[in-house]
């Protein structure tokens, strides 16, 4: 059975490849902004819904494949954030995050045909240290545009680690892909050897 990652995220692709999982890639056609705008559930429900829609969007076109969808939601003080639309918006996000606790929720779903066959969500809490204007500008100068694709304006595997003074949660969840749970399910589905 073909395994397809419904994502354009280089991080998710790298994580699967590094884990030795053979997969193909497809771009999901999901209007994330429209889904978020009309959604009144919690962060876990939203991340799961987005992951499901991405997986289903590709799975309906490739009914013989098992399709992975994944998404992350970041909220700080009850306010949800999306990927920054530009450099100034990224700086605004970082100013808001400064000295606060960030809740990052990542979800993954598997779909086959027109049915979601599995879903999973996990949370991580990241304590952002107090960020100076000088740091925000130098950080964005060094890691832009890479962090423009990241909902929390950071890559944990890069200079983004400097934003935090404390982290509680799974490393893969923070990278936007609950990989350990996914690998377990792929073994249960017979895609990976037990």
N, C-alpha and C. Protein backbone atom coordinates (compact mmCIF):
# COMPACT_ATOMS: atom_id res chain seq x y z
N UNK A 1 0.84 -1.18 0.00
CA UNK A 1 0.00 0.00 0.00
C UNK A 1 0.89 1.25 0.00
N UNK A 2 0.57 2.19 -0.88
CA UNK A 2 1.32 3.44 -0.92
C UNK A 2 1.00 4.29 0.30
N UNK A 3 2.01 4.94 0.82
CA UNK A 3 1.85 5.87 1.93
C UNK A 3 2.16 7.26 1.40
N UNK A 4 1.21 8.19 1.56
CA UNK A 4 1.36 9.54 1.03
C UNK A 4 1.29 10.53 2.18
N UNK A 5 2.22 11.48 2.20
CA UNK A 5 2.20 12.57 3.16
C UNK A 5 1.51 13.75 2.49
N UNK A 6 0.36 14.15 3.01
CA UNK A 6 -0.39 15.28 2.46
C UNK A 6 0.13 16.57 3.10
N UNK A 7 1.29 16.99 2.64
CA UNK A 7 1.94 18.14 3.25
C UNK A 7 3.05 18.65 2.34
N UNK A 8 3.34 19.93 2.45
CA UNK A 8 4.51 20.48 1.76
C UNK A 8 5.58 20.84 2.78
N UNK A 9 5.38 20.43 4.03
CA UNK A 9 6.32 20.75 5.10
C UNK A 9 7.61 19.96 4.96
N UNK A 10 8.73 20.65 4.78
CA UNK A 10 10.00 19.93 4.71
C UNK A 10 10.35 19.23 6.02
N UNK A 11 9.90 19.79 7.14
CA UNK A 11 10.21 19.18 8.45
C UNK A 11 9.51 17.83 8.57
N UNK A 12 8.23 17.76 8.24
CA UNK A 12 7.51 16.49 8.36
C UNK A 12 8.10 15.44 7.41
N UNK A 13 8.42 15.85 6.21
CA UNK A 13 9.04 14.92 5.26
C UNK A 13 10.37 14.40 5.76
N UNK A 14 11.17 15.28 6.32
CA UNK A 14 12.48 14.88 6.85
C UNK A 14 12.32 13.92 8.02
N UNK A 15 11.34 14.19 8.89
CA UNK A 15 11.12 13.31 10.04
C UNK A 15 10.74 11.91 9.59
N UNK A 16 9.85 11.80 8.59
CA UNK A 16 9.48 10.48 8.07
C UNK A 16 10.68 9.79 7.43
N UNK A 17 11.42 10.52 6.61
CA UNK A 17 12.58 9.95 5.93
C UNK A 17 13.63 9.48 6.95
N UNK A 18 13.89 10.30 7.96
CA UNK A 18 14.88 9.94 8.98
C UNK A 18 14.45 8.71 9.78
N UNK A 19 13.13 8.50 9.89
CA UNK A 19 12.61 7.33 10.61
C UNK A 19 12.61 6.09 9.72
N UNK A 20 13.01 6.24 8.46
CA UNK A 20 13.07 5.09 7.55
C UNK A 20 11.72 4.70 6.97
N UNK A 21 10.79 5.64 6.92
CA UNK A 21 9.45 5.37 6.40
C UNK A 21 9.39 5.77 4.93
N UNK A 22 9.13 4.83 4.02
CA UNK A 22 8.98 5.20 2.61
C UNK A 22 7.63 5.87 2.37
N UNK A 23 7.65 6.98 1.66
CA UNK A 23 6.41 7.72 1.45
C UNK A 23 6.52 8.56 0.18
N UNK A 24 5.36 8.96 -0.33
CA UNK A 24 5.27 9.95 -1.39
C UNK A 24 4.70 11.21 -0.79
N UNK A 25 4.70 12.27 -1.57
CA UNK A 25 4.21 13.55 -1.06
C UNK A 25 3.18 14.13 -2.02
N UNK A 26 2.17 14.78 -1.46
CA UNK A 26 1.15 15.45 -2.26
C UNK A 26 0.74 16.72 -1.53
N UNK A 27 0.33 17.71 -2.30
CA UNK A 27 -0.09 18.98 -1.72
C UNK A 27 -1.59 18.96 -1.45
N UNK A 28 -2.00 19.12 -0.20
CA UNK A 28 -3.44 19.15 0.09
C UNK A 28 -4.04 20.50 -0.28
N UNK A 29 -5.26 20.49 -0.73
CA UNK A 29 -5.97 21.73 -1.08
C UNK A 29 -6.98 22.03 0.02
N UNK A 30 -6.51 22.64 1.09
CA UNK A 30 -7.38 22.97 2.22
C UNK A 30 -7.25 24.46 2.50
N UNK A 31 -8.37 25.14 2.60
CA UNK A 31 -8.38 26.55 2.95
C UNK A 31 -8.37 26.64 4.48
N UNK A 32 -7.15 26.65 5.04
CA UNK A 32 -7.00 26.63 6.50
C UNK A 32 -7.66 27.84 7.15
N UNK A 33 -7.52 29.01 6.53
CA UNK A 33 -8.09 30.23 7.11
C UNK A 33 -9.60 30.11 7.25
N UNK A 34 -10.26 29.55 6.24
CA UNK A 34 -11.72 29.40 6.29
C UNK A 34 -12.13 28.42 7.38
N UNK A 35 -11.37 27.35 7.54
CA UNK A 35 -11.68 26.36 8.58
C UNK A 35 -11.52 26.99 9.95
N UNK A 36 -10.42 27.73 10.15
CA UNK A 36 -10.16 28.36 11.45
C UNK A 36 -11.20 29.42 11.78
N UNK A 37 -11.60 30.18 10.78
CA UNK A 37 -12.53 31.27 11.01
C UNK A 37 -13.88 30.79 11.54
N UNK A 38 -14.36 29.69 11.02
CA UNK A 38 -15.67 29.21 11.44
C UNK A 38 -15.62 28.16 12.53
N UNK A 39 -14.47 27.97 13.17
CA UNK A 39 -14.33 26.87 14.12
C UNK A 39 -14.48 27.37 15.55
N UNK A 40 -15.32 26.67 16.36
CA UNK A 40 -15.51 27.11 17.74
C UNK A 40 -15.07 26.08 18.77
N UNK A 41 -14.35 25.03 18.32
CA UNK A 41 -13.85 24.02 19.25
C UNK A 41 -12.52 24.42 19.86
N UNK A 42 -11.93 23.50 20.63
CA UNK A 42 -10.64 23.78 21.26
C UNK A 42 -9.49 23.54 20.27
N UNK A 43 -8.27 23.83 20.71
CA UNK A 43 -7.10 23.73 19.82
C UNK A 43 -6.88 22.30 19.32
N UNK A 44 -7.09 21.31 20.20
CA UNK A 44 -6.91 19.92 19.78
C UNK A 44 -7.91 19.52 18.71
N UNK A 45 -9.13 19.97 18.87
CA UNK A 45 -10.16 19.66 17.86
C UNK A 45 -9.85 20.36 16.54
N UNK A 46 -9.36 21.58 16.60
CA UNK A 46 -9.02 22.32 15.38
C UNK A 46 -7.85 21.68 14.66
N UNK A 47 -6.78 21.37 15.39
CA UNK A 47 -5.62 20.74 14.77
C UNK A 47 -6.00 19.40 14.14
N UNK A 48 -6.83 18.63 14.85
CA UNK A 48 -7.29 17.34 14.33
C UNK A 48 -8.14 17.52 13.08
N UNK A 49 -9.04 18.48 13.11
CA UNK A 49 -9.89 18.72 11.94
C UNK A 49 -9.06 19.10 10.72
N UNK A 50 -8.07 19.97 10.89
CA UNK A 50 -7.20 20.37 9.78
C UNK A 50 -6.40 19.17 9.26
N UNK A 51 -5.89 18.34 10.18
CA UNK A 51 -5.14 17.14 9.76
C UNK A 51 -6.04 16.21 8.97
N UNK A 52 -7.28 16.02 9.44
CA UNK A 52 -8.22 15.14 8.74
C UNK A 52 -8.54 15.67 7.34
N UNK A 53 -8.81 16.97 7.25
CA UNK A 53 -9.14 17.56 5.94
C UNK A 53 -7.99 17.42 4.95
N UNK A 54 -6.77 17.60 5.42
CA UNK A 54 -5.60 17.44 4.54
C UNK A 54 -5.49 16.00 4.06
N UNK A 55 -5.64 15.07 4.99
CA UNK A 55 -5.54 13.65 4.62
C UNK A 55 -6.66 13.26 3.65
N UNK A 56 -7.89 13.67 3.96
CA UNK A 56 -9.02 13.32 3.10
C UNK A 56 -8.92 13.95 1.72
N UNK A 57 -8.41 15.19 1.67
CA UNK A 57 -8.29 15.88 0.40
C UNK A 57 -7.43 15.14 -0.60
N UNK A 58 -6.40 14.50 -0.11
CA UNK A 58 -5.51 13.72 -0.99
C UNK A 58 -6.03 12.30 -1.15
N UNK A 59 -6.57 11.71 -0.07
CA UNK A 59 -7.02 10.31 -0.10
C UNK A 59 -8.16 10.08 -1.08
N UNK A 60 -9.05 11.06 -1.24
CA UNK A 60 -10.16 10.88 -2.17
C UNK A 60 -9.66 10.82 -3.61
N UNK A 61 -8.50 11.43 -3.89
CA UNK A 61 -7.91 11.39 -5.23
C UNK A 61 -7.05 10.14 -5.43
N UNK A 62 -6.61 9.55 -4.34
CA UNK A 62 -5.75 8.35 -4.39
C UNK A 62 -6.34 7.30 -3.46
N UNK A 63 -7.44 6.67 -3.86
CA UNK A 63 -8.19 5.79 -2.96
C UNK A 63 -7.44 4.53 -2.52
N UNK A 64 -6.37 4.15 -3.22
CA UNK A 64 -5.62 2.95 -2.83
C UNK A 64 -4.45 3.26 -1.90
N UNK A 65 -4.29 4.53 -1.56
CA UNK A 65 -3.18 4.93 -0.70
C UNK A 65 -3.66 5.20 0.72
N UNK A 66 -2.75 5.09 1.66
CA UNK A 66 -2.99 5.53 3.02
C UNK A 66 -2.35 6.90 3.12
N UNK A 67 -3.12 7.90 3.50
CA UNK A 67 -2.65 9.29 3.44
C UNK A 67 -2.53 9.87 4.85
N UNK A 68 -1.40 10.52 5.09
CA UNK A 68 -1.11 11.17 6.37
C UNK A 68 -1.40 12.66 6.24
N UNK A 69 -2.21 13.18 7.14
CA UNK A 69 -2.42 14.62 7.25
C UNK A 69 -1.98 15.07 8.62
N UNK A 70 -1.43 16.26 8.71
CA UNK A 70 -0.97 16.76 10.00
C UNK A 70 -1.08 18.27 10.04
N UNK A 71 -1.29 18.80 11.23
CA UNK A 71 -1.34 20.25 11.40
C UNK A 71 -1.06 20.61 12.84
N UNK A 72 -0.72 21.87 13.05
CA UNK A 72 -0.44 22.38 14.39
C UNK A 72 -1.19 23.67 14.63
N UNK A 73 -1.54 23.89 15.88
CA UNK A 73 -2.20 25.13 16.30
C UNK A 73 -1.41 25.69 17.48
N UNK A 74 -1.14 26.98 17.42
CA UNK A 74 -0.44 27.67 18.50
C UNK A 74 -1.39 28.68 19.12
N UNK A 75 -1.47 28.67 20.44
CA UNK A 75 -2.24 29.71 21.12
C UNK A 75 -1.45 30.22 22.32
N UNK A 76 -1.60 31.50 22.56
CA UNK A 76 -0.95 32.18 23.68
C UNK A 76 -2.00 33.06 24.34
N UNK A 77 -2.20 32.85 25.63
CA UNK A 77 -3.21 33.59 26.39
C UNK A 77 -4.58 33.53 25.72
N UNK A 78 -4.94 32.37 25.19
CA UNK A 78 -6.24 32.17 24.57
C UNK A 78 -6.38 32.69 23.15
N UNK A 79 -5.35 33.30 22.61
CA UNK A 79 -5.37 33.83 21.24
C UNK A 79 -4.65 32.86 20.31
N UNK A 80 -5.35 32.44 19.24
CA UNK A 80 -4.75 31.53 18.26
C UNK A 80 -3.95 32.32 17.23
N UNK A 81 -2.84 31.73 16.83
CA UNK A 81 -1.98 32.36 15.84
C UNK A 81 -1.87 31.50 14.60
N UNK A 82 -1.74 32.16 13.45
CA UNK A 82 -1.48 31.48 12.18
C UNK A 82 -0.05 31.78 11.77
N UNK A 83 0.40 31.16 10.69
CA UNK A 83 1.72 31.47 10.16
C UNK A 83 1.77 32.96 9.84
N UNK A 84 2.90 33.61 10.10
CA UNK A 84 2.97 35.05 9.84
C UNK A 84 2.90 35.34 8.34
N UNK A 85 2.20 36.43 8.00
CA UNK A 85 2.05 36.82 6.61
C UNK A 85 3.25 37.57 6.07
N UNK A 86 4.15 37.97 6.92
CA UNK A 86 5.33 38.70 6.50
C UNK A 86 6.24 38.95 7.69
N UNK A 87 7.33 39.60 7.43
CA UNK A 87 8.35 39.83 8.45
C UNK A 87 7.83 40.67 9.62
N UNK A 88 7.08 41.72 9.32
CA UNK A 88 6.57 42.58 10.40
C UNK A 88 5.55 41.83 11.26
N UNK A 89 4.70 41.03 10.62
CA UNK A 89 3.74 40.25 11.41
C UNK A 89 4.46 39.22 12.28
N UNK A 90 5.54 38.64 11.76
CA UNK A 90 6.33 37.69 12.56
C UNK A 90 6.90 38.39 13.79
N UNK A 91 7.39 39.61 13.61
CA UNK A 91 7.92 40.37 14.75
C UNK A 91 6.81 40.68 15.75
N UNK A 92 5.62 41.01 15.26
CA UNK A 92 4.49 41.27 16.15
C UNK A 92 4.13 40.03 16.96
N UNK A 93 4.14 38.86 16.30
CA UNK A 93 3.86 37.62 17.02
C UNK A 93 4.89 37.41 18.13
N UNK A 94 6.16 37.58 17.80
CA UNK A 94 7.21 37.36 18.79
C UNK A 94 7.08 38.33 19.96
N UNK A 95 6.71 39.57 19.68
CA UNK A 95 6.50 40.53 20.77
C UNK A 95 5.37 40.06 21.69
N UNK A 96 4.30 39.53 21.10
CA UNK A 96 3.18 39.04 21.90
C UNK A 96 3.59 37.81 22.72
N UNK A 97 4.38 36.92 22.11
CA UNK A 97 4.81 35.69 22.79
C UNK A 97 5.75 35.97 23.96
N UNK A 98 6.49 37.07 23.91
CA UNK A 98 7.55 37.38 24.86
C UNK A 98 7.08 37.28 26.30
N UNK A 99 7.76 36.42 27.08
CA UNK A 99 7.47 36.25 28.49
C UNK A 99 6.22 35.45 28.80
N UNK A 100 5.60 34.87 27.78
CA UNK A 100 4.35 34.14 27.98
C UNK A 100 4.53 32.65 27.70
N UNK A 101 3.49 31.90 28.08
CA UNK A 101 3.46 30.46 27.84
C UNK A 101 2.71 30.18 26.54
N UNK A 102 3.34 29.42 25.67
CA UNK A 102 2.76 29.06 24.38
C UNK A 102 2.24 27.62 24.45
N UNK A 103 1.00 27.42 24.04
CA UNK A 103 0.43 26.07 23.94
C UNK A 103 0.47 25.67 22.47
N UNK A 104 1.17 24.61 22.18
CA UNK A 104 1.28 24.11 20.82
C UNK A 104 0.60 22.74 20.75
N UNK A 105 -0.38 22.63 19.89
CA UNK A 105 -1.12 21.38 19.72
C UNK A 105 -0.88 20.86 18.32
N UNK A 106 -0.39 19.64 18.20
CA UNK A 106 -0.16 19.02 16.89
C UNK A 106 -1.01 17.78 16.77
N UNK A 107 -1.55 17.60 15.57
CA UNK A 107 -2.41 16.45 15.31
C UNK A 107 -1.97 15.77 14.02
N UNK A 108 -2.27 14.47 13.96
CA UNK A 108 -1.99 13.68 12.77
C UNK A 108 -3.20 12.78 12.53
N UNK A 109 -3.51 12.57 11.25
CA UNK A 109 -4.64 11.71 10.89
C UNK A 109 -4.25 10.84 9.70
N UNK A 110 -4.86 9.68 9.61
CA UNK A 110 -4.69 8.79 8.46
C UNK A 110 -6.04 8.62 7.78
N UNK A 111 -6.04 8.71 6.46
CA UNK A 111 -7.26 8.53 5.70
C UNK A 111 -7.02 7.55 4.57
N UNK A 112 -8.06 6.82 4.25
CA UNK A 112 -8.05 5.91 3.09
C UNK A 112 -9.37 6.11 2.38
N UNK A 113 -9.29 6.46 1.08
CA UNK A 113 -10.50 6.74 0.33
C UNK A 113 -11.19 7.96 0.90
N UNK A 114 -12.44 7.81 1.27
CA UNK A 114 -13.19 8.95 1.82
C UNK A 114 -13.41 8.82 3.32
N UNK A 115 -12.53 8.07 4.01
CA UNK A 115 -12.72 7.81 5.44
C UNK A 115 -11.43 8.06 6.23
N UNK A 116 -11.57 8.77 7.34
CA UNK A 116 -10.47 8.90 8.29
C UNK A 116 -10.44 7.62 9.11
N UNK A 117 -9.30 6.94 9.11
CA UNK A 117 -9.21 5.66 9.81
C UNK A 117 -8.49 5.76 11.16
N UNK A 118 -7.86 6.92 11.41
CA UNK A 118 -7.15 7.11 12.68
C UNK A 118 -6.82 8.58 12.84
N UNK A 119 -6.81 9.04 14.09
CA UNK A 119 -6.45 10.43 14.40
C UNK A 119 -5.81 10.47 15.77
N UNK A 120 -4.95 11.47 15.97
CA UNK A 120 -4.25 11.59 17.26
C UNK A 120 -3.78 13.04 17.42
N UNK A 121 -3.90 13.58 18.63
CA UNK A 121 -3.42 14.93 18.92
C UNK A 121 -2.65 14.93 20.23
N UNK A 122 -1.64 15.80 20.29
CA UNK A 122 -0.82 15.94 21.49
C UNK A 122 -0.55 17.42 21.73
N UNK A 123 -0.29 17.77 22.99
CA UNK A 123 0.01 19.15 23.35
C UNK A 123 1.40 19.27 23.92
N UNK A 124 1.99 20.43 23.73
CA UNK A 124 3.25 20.79 24.37
C UNK A 124 3.11 22.22 24.87
N UNK A 125 3.80 22.52 25.94
CA UNK A 125 3.78 23.88 26.49
C UNK A 125 5.22 24.40 26.47
N UNK A 126 5.37 25.59 25.90
CA UNK A 126 6.68 26.19 25.77
C UNK A 126 6.67 27.56 26.44
N UNK A 127 7.60 27.76 27.35
CA UNK A 127 7.69 29.04 28.04
C UNK A 127 8.66 29.93 27.27
N UNK A 128 8.11 31.00 26.69
CA UNK A 128 8.93 31.94 25.92
C UNK A 128 9.60 32.89 26.91
N UNK A 129 10.89 33.06 26.75
CA UNK A 129 11.61 33.99 27.62
C UNK A 129 11.26 35.42 27.20
N UNK A 130 11.63 36.40 27.98
CA UNK A 130 11.41 37.79 27.61
C UNK A 130 12.36 38.13 26.47
N UNK A 131 11.79 38.58 25.36
CA UNK A 131 12.56 38.83 24.14
C UNK A 131 12.77 40.33 23.94
N UNK A 132 14.00 40.73 23.72
CA UNK A 132 14.28 42.14 23.46
C UNK A 132 14.03 42.43 21.97
N UNK A 133 13.84 43.70 21.66
CA UNK A 133 13.69 44.10 20.26
C UNK A 133 14.94 43.73 19.46
N UNK A 134 16.10 43.90 20.05
CA UNK A 134 17.35 43.56 19.36
C UNK A 134 17.39 42.07 19.03
N UNK A 135 16.97 41.24 20.00
CA UNK A 135 16.96 39.80 19.73
C UNK A 135 15.96 39.47 18.62
N UNK A 136 14.75 40.02 18.69
CA UNK A 136 13.71 39.73 17.69
C UNK A 136 14.23 40.06 16.30
N UNK A 137 14.85 41.21 16.14
CA UNK A 137 15.36 41.61 14.82
C UNK A 137 16.50 40.72 14.36
N UNK A 138 17.44 40.41 15.24
CA UNK A 138 18.57 39.56 14.83
C UNK A 138 18.10 38.13 14.55
N UNK A 139 17.16 37.65 15.36
CA UNK A 139 16.63 36.30 15.15
C UNK A 139 15.94 36.19 13.79
N UNK A 140 15.06 37.13 13.49
CA UNK A 140 14.35 37.07 12.21
C UNK A 140 15.30 37.27 11.04
N UNK A 141 16.32 38.09 11.21
CA UNK A 141 17.31 38.29 10.15
C UNK A 141 18.08 37.00 9.87
N UNK A 142 18.29 36.20 10.90
CA UNK A 142 19.07 34.97 10.72
C UNK A 142 18.24 33.78 10.26
N UNK A 143 16.94 33.77 10.57
CA UNK A 143 16.15 32.56 10.29
C UNK A 143 14.92 32.83 9.41
N UNK A 144 14.92 33.93 8.72
CA UNK A 144 13.84 34.24 7.77
C UNK A 144 14.34 33.95 6.37
N UNK A 145 13.64 33.28 5.49
CA UNK A 145 12.20 33.03 5.53
C UNK A 145 11.82 31.67 6.09
N UNK A 146 12.78 30.88 6.58
CA UNK A 146 12.46 29.53 7.04
C UNK A 146 11.35 29.51 8.07
N UNK A 147 11.36 30.46 9.02
CA UNK A 147 10.32 30.45 10.06
C UNK A 147 9.00 31.04 9.58
N UNK A 148 8.96 31.56 8.37
CA UNK A 148 7.70 32.08 7.84
C UNK A 148 6.70 30.96 7.60
N UNK A 149 7.17 29.73 7.51
CA UNK A 149 6.31 28.56 7.29
C UNK A 149 5.87 27.92 8.60
N UNK A 150 6.28 28.51 9.72
CA UNK A 150 6.04 27.91 11.04
C UNK A 150 5.04 28.74 11.84
N UNK A 151 4.02 28.07 12.34
CA UNK A 151 2.93 28.77 13.03
C UNK A 151 3.41 29.50 14.27
N UNK A 152 4.42 29.04 14.95
CA UNK A 152 4.94 29.71 16.14
C UNK A 152 6.15 30.58 15.88
N UNK A 153 6.49 30.77 14.61
CA UNK A 153 7.63 31.57 14.16
C UNK A 153 8.94 31.00 14.73
N UNK A 154 9.04 29.68 14.79
CA UNK A 154 10.30 29.08 15.25
C UNK A 154 10.45 27.68 14.67
N UNK A 155 11.70 27.28 14.57
CA UNK A 155 12.06 25.89 14.27
C UNK A 155 12.91 25.44 15.45
N UNK A 156 12.44 24.44 16.15
CA UNK A 156 13.13 23.97 17.34
C UNK A 156 14.53 23.47 17.00
N UNK A 157 14.70 22.95 15.79
CA UNK A 157 15.99 22.40 15.37
C UNK A 157 16.93 23.48 14.86
N UNK A 158 16.55 24.75 14.99
CA UNK A 158 17.38 25.86 14.54
C UNK A 158 17.50 26.90 15.65
N UNK A 159 17.80 28.14 15.27
CA UNK A 159 17.96 29.21 16.26
C UNK A 159 16.70 29.47 17.09
N UNK A 160 15.55 28.95 16.66
CA UNK A 160 14.31 29.14 17.40
C UNK A 160 14.35 28.59 18.81
N UNK A 161 15.25 27.67 19.09
CA UNK A 161 15.38 27.14 20.45
C UNK A 161 15.70 28.26 21.43
N UNK A 162 16.32 29.35 20.93
CA UNK A 162 16.69 30.46 21.80
C UNK A 162 15.50 31.27 22.30
N UNK A 163 14.31 31.03 21.76
CA UNK A 163 13.12 31.76 22.23
C UNK A 163 12.65 31.28 23.60
N UNK A 164 13.07 30.09 23.99
CA UNK A 164 12.43 29.43 25.14
C UNK A 164 13.34 29.29 26.35
N UNK A 165 12.68 29.32 27.53
CA UNK A 165 13.41 29.03 28.76
C UNK A 165 12.91 27.74 29.41
N UNK A 166 11.85 27.18 28.86
CA UNK A 166 11.33 25.91 29.36
C UNK A 166 10.41 25.27 28.34
N UNK A 167 10.48 23.93 28.26
CA UNK A 167 9.65 23.19 27.30
C UNK A 167 9.12 21.95 27.99
N UNK A 168 7.80 21.73 27.89
CA UNK A 168 7.17 20.51 28.38
C UNK A 168 6.43 19.87 27.22
N UNK A 169 6.86 18.67 26.84
CA UNK A 169 6.16 17.98 25.76
C UNK A 169 7.12 17.23 24.86
N UNK A 170 6.52 16.43 23.99
CA UNK A 170 7.28 15.59 23.08
C UNK A 170 7.95 16.43 22.00
N UNK A 171 9.20 16.12 21.72
CA UNK A 171 9.99 16.84 20.73
C UNK A 171 9.32 16.84 19.36
N UNK A 172 8.79 15.70 18.93
CA UNK A 172 8.17 15.60 17.60
C UNK A 172 6.86 16.39 17.55
N UNK A 173 6.13 16.40 18.64
CA UNK A 173 4.91 17.19 18.71
C UNK A 173 5.24 18.66 18.52
N UNK A 174 6.32 19.11 19.14
CA UNK A 174 6.74 20.51 19.01
C UNK A 174 7.14 20.81 17.57
N UNK A 175 7.67 19.82 16.86
CA UNK A 175 8.02 20.00 15.46
C UNK A 175 6.80 19.88 14.55
N UNK A 176 5.62 19.68 15.13
CA UNK A 176 4.39 19.67 14.36
C UNK A 176 3.96 18.34 13.82
N UNK A 177 4.51 17.25 14.40
CA UNK A 177 4.24 15.93 13.84
C UNK A 177 4.37 14.88 14.94
N UNK A 178 3.27 14.44 15.57
CA UNK A 178 3.36 13.44 16.63
C UNK A 178 3.84 12.09 16.07
N UNK A 179 5.13 11.99 15.85
CA UNK A 179 5.71 10.89 15.09
C UNK A 179 5.63 9.55 15.79
N UNK A 180 5.85 9.50 17.09
CA UNK A 180 5.84 8.20 17.78
C UNK A 180 4.47 7.54 17.70
N UNK A 181 3.41 8.31 17.92
CA UNK A 181 2.05 7.77 17.81
C UNK A 181 1.78 7.32 16.37
N UNK A 182 2.22 8.11 15.40
CA UNK A 182 2.02 7.76 13.99
C UNK A 182 2.74 6.46 13.63
N UNK A 183 3.99 6.32 14.06
CA UNK A 183 4.74 5.10 13.76
C UNK A 183 4.05 3.88 14.36
N UNK A 184 3.53 4.02 15.58
CA UNK A 184 2.80 2.92 16.21
C UNK A 184 1.58 2.53 15.39
N UNK A 185 0.85 3.51 14.90
CA UNK A 185 -0.34 3.21 14.10
C UNK A 185 0.04 2.59 12.75
N UNK A 186 1.12 3.07 12.15
CA UNK A 186 1.55 2.48 10.88
C UNK A 186 1.96 1.02 11.05
N UNK A 187 2.50 0.68 12.22
CA UNK A 187 2.80 -0.74 12.50
C UNK A 187 1.49 -1.52 12.64
N UNK A 188 0.52 -0.95 13.36
CA UNK A 188 -0.78 -1.62 13.51
C UNK A 188 -1.49 -1.79 12.18
N UNK A 189 -1.30 -0.85 11.28
CA UNK A 189 -1.93 -0.91 9.95
C UNK A 189 -1.19 -1.87 9.01
N UNK A 190 -0.02 -2.36 9.44
CA UNK A 190 0.76 -3.27 8.61
C UNK A 190 1.62 -2.58 7.57
N UNK A 191 1.74 -1.26 7.67
CA UNK A 191 2.57 -0.51 6.73
C UNK A 191 4.05 -0.68 7.09
N UNK A 192 4.34 -0.71 8.40
CA UNK A 192 5.69 -0.91 8.89
C UNK A 192 5.79 -2.25 9.61
N UNK A 193 6.97 -2.81 9.60
CA UNK A 193 7.18 -4.09 10.28
C UNK A 193 7.03 -3.90 11.79
N UNK A 194 6.48 -4.93 12.43
CA UNK A 194 6.27 -4.89 13.88
C UNK A 194 7.57 -5.17 14.59
